[in-house]
Amino acid sequence: MVDSTKPPVRFEGGQPILRVEDMERAVRFYIDRLGFKNVDWGTDEFTSVNRDRAGIYLCRQGQGAGKAWLWIGVQDVERLHEEYVARGVAIRMPPTNFPWALEMHVEDPDGNVIRFGSDPK
């Protein structure tokens, strides 16, 4: 039974862990193409790439089967689309309006799909 005299445990956020086969290739993609930064403590086996408040753990050949899908909310997906096209990122799905978000999809070199979305139009 939950003790109602104590406040509920506060969740701090979540970060997906994506399986990658080649850490160097994956980190280069997230840094050079998607504009993330790698942490100082990262290794060839496990690291974290971050952009603003969004973070993704990358694990080489472990922690999952690969080809995951994840969602990252952004301020303006159309501006992000322009940035990524200028960086030469292959866009899997251009900005498309849905009831829940204006969303685009990008696929990393390991087949993981990142869904970026902002407020719907």
C-alpha atoms as a PDB file:
ATOM      1  CA  MET A   1       0.000   0.000   0.000  1.00  0.00           C
ATOM      2  CA  VAL A   2       1.211   3.497  -0.845  1.00  0.00           C
ATOM      3  CA  ASP A   3       1.922   5.769   2.131  1.00  0.00           C
ATOM      4  CA  SER A   4      -0.297   8.790   1.446  1.00  0.00           C
ATOM      5  CA  THR A   5       1.583  10.901   4.006  1.00  0.00           C
ATOM      6  CA  LYS A   6       4.628  11.024   1.735  1.00  0.00           C
ATOM      7  CA  PRO A   7       4.707  12.870  -1.578  1.00  0.00           C
ATOM      8  CA  PRO A   8       4.981  10.633  -4.644  1.00  0.00           C
ATOM      9  CA  VAL A   9       8.453   9.984  -6.060  1.00  0.00           C
ATOM     10  CA  ARG A  10       9.274  12.657  -8.644  1.00  0.00           C
ATOM     11  CA  PHE A  11      10.402  11.409 -12.043  1.00  0.00           C
ATOM     12  CA  GLU A  12      13.371  13.322 -13.441  1.00  0.00           C
ATOM     13  CA  GLY A  13      13.018  12.355 -17.090  1.00  0.00           C
ATOM     14  CA  GLY A  14      13.975   9.532 -19.370  1.00  0.00           C
ATOM     15  CA  GLN A  15      16.706   8.807 -21.856  1.00  0.00           C
ATOM     16  CA  PRO A  16      16.443   5.966 -24.341  1.00  0.00           C
ATOM     17  CA  ILE A  17      19.349   3.574 -24.816  1.00  0.00           C
ATOM     18  CA  LEU A  18      19.943   2.772 -28.485  1.00  0.00           C
ATOM     19  CA  ARG A  19      21.958  -0.175 -29.730  1.00  0.00           C
ATOM     20  CA  VAL A  20      24.608   0.766 -32.266  1.00  0.00           C
ATOM     21  CA  GLU A  21      27.042  -1.489 -34.101  1.00  0.00           C
ATOM     22  CA  ASP A  22      29.857   1.018 -34.706  1.00  0.00           C
ATOM     23  CA  MET A  23      30.195   3.594 -31.920  1.00  0.00           C
ATOM     24  CA  GLU A  24      32.497   5.936 -33.847  1.00  0.00           C
ATOM     25  CA  ARG A  25      30.120   6.040 -36.831  1.00  0.00           C
ATOM     26  CA  ALA A  26      27.089   6.559 -34.569  1.00  0.00           C
ATOM     27  CA  VAL A  27      28.698   9.359 -32.533  1.00  0.00           C
ATOM     28  CA  ARG A  28      29.833  11.141 -35.717  1.00  0.00           C
ATOM     29  CA  PHE A  29      26.254  10.996 -37.056  1.00  0.00           C
ATOM     30  CA  TYR A  30      24.700  12.399 -33.891  1.00  0.00           C
ATOM     31  CA  ILE A  31      27.349  15.135 -33.558  1.00  0.00           C
ATOM     32  CA  ASP A  32      28.043  16.151 -37.172  1.00  0.00           C
ATOM     33  CA  ARG A  33      24.597  15.612 -38.653  1.00  0.00           C
ATOM     34  CA  LEU A  34      22.105  16.047 -35.807  1.00  0.00           C
ATOM     35  CA  GLY A  35      23.964  18.671 -33.757  1.00  0.00           C
ATOM     36  CA  PHE A  36      24.268  16.724 -30.503  1.00  0.00           C
ATOM     37  CA  LYS A  37      27.315  16.816 -28.200  1.00  0.00           C
ATOM     38  CA  ASN A  38      29.081  13.783 -26.763  1.00  0.00           C
ATOM     39  CA  VAL A  39      29.771  13.600 -23.025  1.00  0.00           C
ATOM     40  CA  ASP A  40      33.338  13.632 -21.671  1.00  0.00           C
ATOM     41  CA  TRP A  41      32.962  10.262 -19.942  1.00  0.00           C
ATOM     42  CA  GLY A  42      31.834   8.326 -23.038  1.00  0.00           C
ATOM     43  CA  THR A  43      33.688   5.192 -24.113  1.00  0.00           C
ATOM     44  CA  ASP A  44      33.779   2.991 -27.221  1.00  0.00           C
ATOM     45  CA  GLU A  45      31.161   0.813 -25.513  1.00  0.00           C
ATOM     46  CA  PHE A  46      28.726   3.320 -23.983  1.00  0.00           C
ATOM     47  CA  THR A  47      28.147   7.066 -24.229  1.00  0.00           C
ATOM     48  CA  SER A  48      25.504   9.765 -24.096  1.00  0.00           C
ATOM     49  CA  VAL A  49      24.826  12.360 -26.776  1.00  0.00           C
ATOM     50  CA  ASN A  50      22.820  15.440 -25.828  1.00  0.00           C
ATOM     51  CA  ARG A  51      21.268  18.507 -27.385  1.00  0.00           C
ATOM     52  CA  ASP A  52      19.703  20.990 -25.011  1.00  0.00           C
ATOM     53  CA  ARG A  53      17.494  18.894 -22.694  1.00  0.00           C
ATOM     54  CA  ALA A  54      17.280  15.851 -24.984  1.00  0.00           C
ATOM     55  CA  GLY A  55      19.695  12.993 -24.345  1.00  0.00           C
ATOM     56  CA  ILE A  56      20.256   9.591 -25.920  1.00  0.00           C
ATOM     57  CA  TYR A  57      22.485   6.820 -24.611  1.00  0.00           C
ATOM     58  CA  LEU A  58      24.340   4.796 -27.233  1.00  0.00           C
ATOM     59  CA  CYS A  59      25.448   1.259 -26.414  1.00  0.00           C
ATOM     60  CA  ARG A  60      27.710  -0.685 -28.782  1.00  0.00           C
ATOM     61  CA  GLN A  61      26.316  -4.117 -29.657  1.00  0.00           C
ATOM     62  CA  GLY A  62      24.284  -4.445 -26.485  1.00  0.00           C
ATOM     63  CA  GLN A  63      21.112  -3.477 -24.652  1.00  0.00           C
ATOM     64  CA  GLY A  64      18.491  -4.299 -27.189  1.00  0.00           C
ATOM     65  CA  ALA A  65      18.013  -5.590 -30.668  1.00  0.00           C
ATOM     66  CA  GLY A  66      18.444  -2.280 -32.478  1.00  0.00           C
ATOM     67  CA  LYS A  67      16.150  -0.430 -34.845  1.00  0.00           C
ATOM     68  CA  ALA A  68      14.261   1.315 -32.042  1.00  0.00           C
ATOM     69  CA  TRP A  69      11.960   4.302 -32.440  1.00  0.00           C
ATOM     70  CA  LEU A  70      12.061   7.326 -30.159  1.00  0.00           C
ATOM     71  CA  TRP A  71      10.337  10.685 -29.843  1.00  0.00           C
ATOM     72  CA  ILE A  72      12.009  14.036 -29.180  1.00  0.00           C
ATOM     73  CA  GLY A  73       9.897  17.151 -28.812  1.00  0.00           C
ATOM     74  CA  VAL A  74      11.419  20.305 -30.328  1.00  0.00           C
ATOM     75  CA  GLN A  75      10.456  23.977 -30.490  1.00  0.00           C
ATOM     76  CA  ASP A  76      10.037  24.154 -34.294  1.00  0.00           C
ATOM     77  CA  VAL A  77      10.288  21.035 -36.449  1.00  0.00           C
ATOM     78  CA  GLU A  78      10.204  23.038 -39.694  1.00  0.00           C
ATOM     79  CA  ARG A  79      13.328  24.996 -38.701  1.00  0.00           C
ATOM     80  CA  LEU A  80      14.978  21.766 -37.578  1.00  0.00           C
ATOM     81  CA  HIS A  81      14.119  20.236 -40.957  1.00  0.00           C
ATOM     82  CA  GLU A  82      15.851  23.165 -42.706  1.00  0.00           C
ATOM     83  CA  GLU A  83      18.915  22.707 -40.477  1.00  0.00           C
ATOM     84  CA  TYR A  84      19.104  18.986 -41.158  1.00  0.00           C
ATOM     85  CA  VAL A  85      18.656  19.356 -44.921  1.00  0.00           C
ATOM     86  CA  ALA A  86      21.521  21.898 -44.899  1.00  0.00           C
ATOM     87  CA  ARG A  87      23.660  19.370 -42.962  1.00  0.00           C
ATOM     88  CA  GLY A  88      22.918  16.661 -45.541  1.00  0.00           C
ATOM     89  CA  VAL A  89      20.758  14.500 -43.268  1.00  0.00           C
ATOM     90  CA  ALA A  90      18.556  12.031 -45.145  1.00  0.00           C
ATOM     91  CA  ILE A  91      14.995  12.751 -44.021  1.00  0.00           C
ATOM     92  CA  ARG A  92      12.912   9.583 -43.700  1.00  0.00           C
ATOM     93  CA  MET A  93       9.644  11.561 -43.436  1.00  0.00           C
ATOM     94  CA  PRO A  94       9.482  15.350 -43.994  1.00  0.00           C
ATOM     95  CA  PRO A  95       7.454  17.506 -41.603  1.00  0.00           C
ATOM     96  CA  THR A  96       3.943  16.099 -41.612  1.00  0.00           C
ATOM     97  CA  ASN A  97       1.014  17.393 -39.602  1.00  0.00           C
ATOM     98  CA  PHE A  98      -0.804  14.975 -37.280  1.00  0.00           C
ATOM     99  CA  PRO A  99      -3.359  15.718 -34.547  1.00  0.00           C
ATOM    100  CA  TRP A 100      -0.637  15.202 -31.899  1.00  0.00           C
ATOM    101  CA  ALA A 101       2.285  17.033 -33.574  1.00  0.00           C
ATOM    102  CA  LEU A 102       3.984  18.385 -36.659  1.00  0.00           C
ATOM    103  CA  GLU A 103       6.490  15.573 -37.000  1.00  0.00           C
ATOM    104  CA  MET A 104       9.458  14.466 -39.115  1.00  0.00           C
ATOM    105  CA  HIS A 105      11.502  11.268 -39.011  1.00  0.00           C
ATOM    106  CA  VAL A 106      15.255  10.735 -39.317  1.00  0.00           C
ATOM    107  CA  GLU A 107      16.985   7.342 -39.340  1.00  0.00           C
ATOM    108  CA  ASP A 108      20.446   6.839 -37.860  1.00  0.00           C
ATOM    109  CA  PRO A 109      23.088   4.558 -39.455  1.00  0.00           C
ATOM    110  CA  ASP A 110      21.881   1.616 -37.316  1.00  0.00           C
ATOM    111  CA  GLY A 111      18.231   1.873 -38.344  1.00  0.00           C
ATOM    112  CA  ASN A 112      17.008   3.639 -35.201  1.00  0.00           C
ATOM    113  CA  VAL A 113      14.289   6.150 -36.088  1.00  0.00           C
ATOM    114  CA  ILE A 114      14.101   9.501 -34.321  1.00  0.00           C
ATOM    115  CA  ARG A 115      10.710  11.189 -34.476  1.00  0.00           C
ATOM    116  CA  PHE A 116      11.094  14.949 -33.973  1.00  0.00           C
ATOM    117  CA  GLY A 117       7.900  16.850 -33.304  1.00  0.00           C
ATOM    118  CA  SER A 118       6.551  20.271 -32.418  1.00  0.00           C
ATOM    119  CA  ASP A 119       3.038  21.640 -31.902  1.00  0.00           C
ATOM    120  CA  PRO A 120       0.608  20.623 -34.666  1.00  0.00           C
ATOM    121  CA  LYS A 121      -0.566  23.201 -37.170  1.00  0.00           C
END
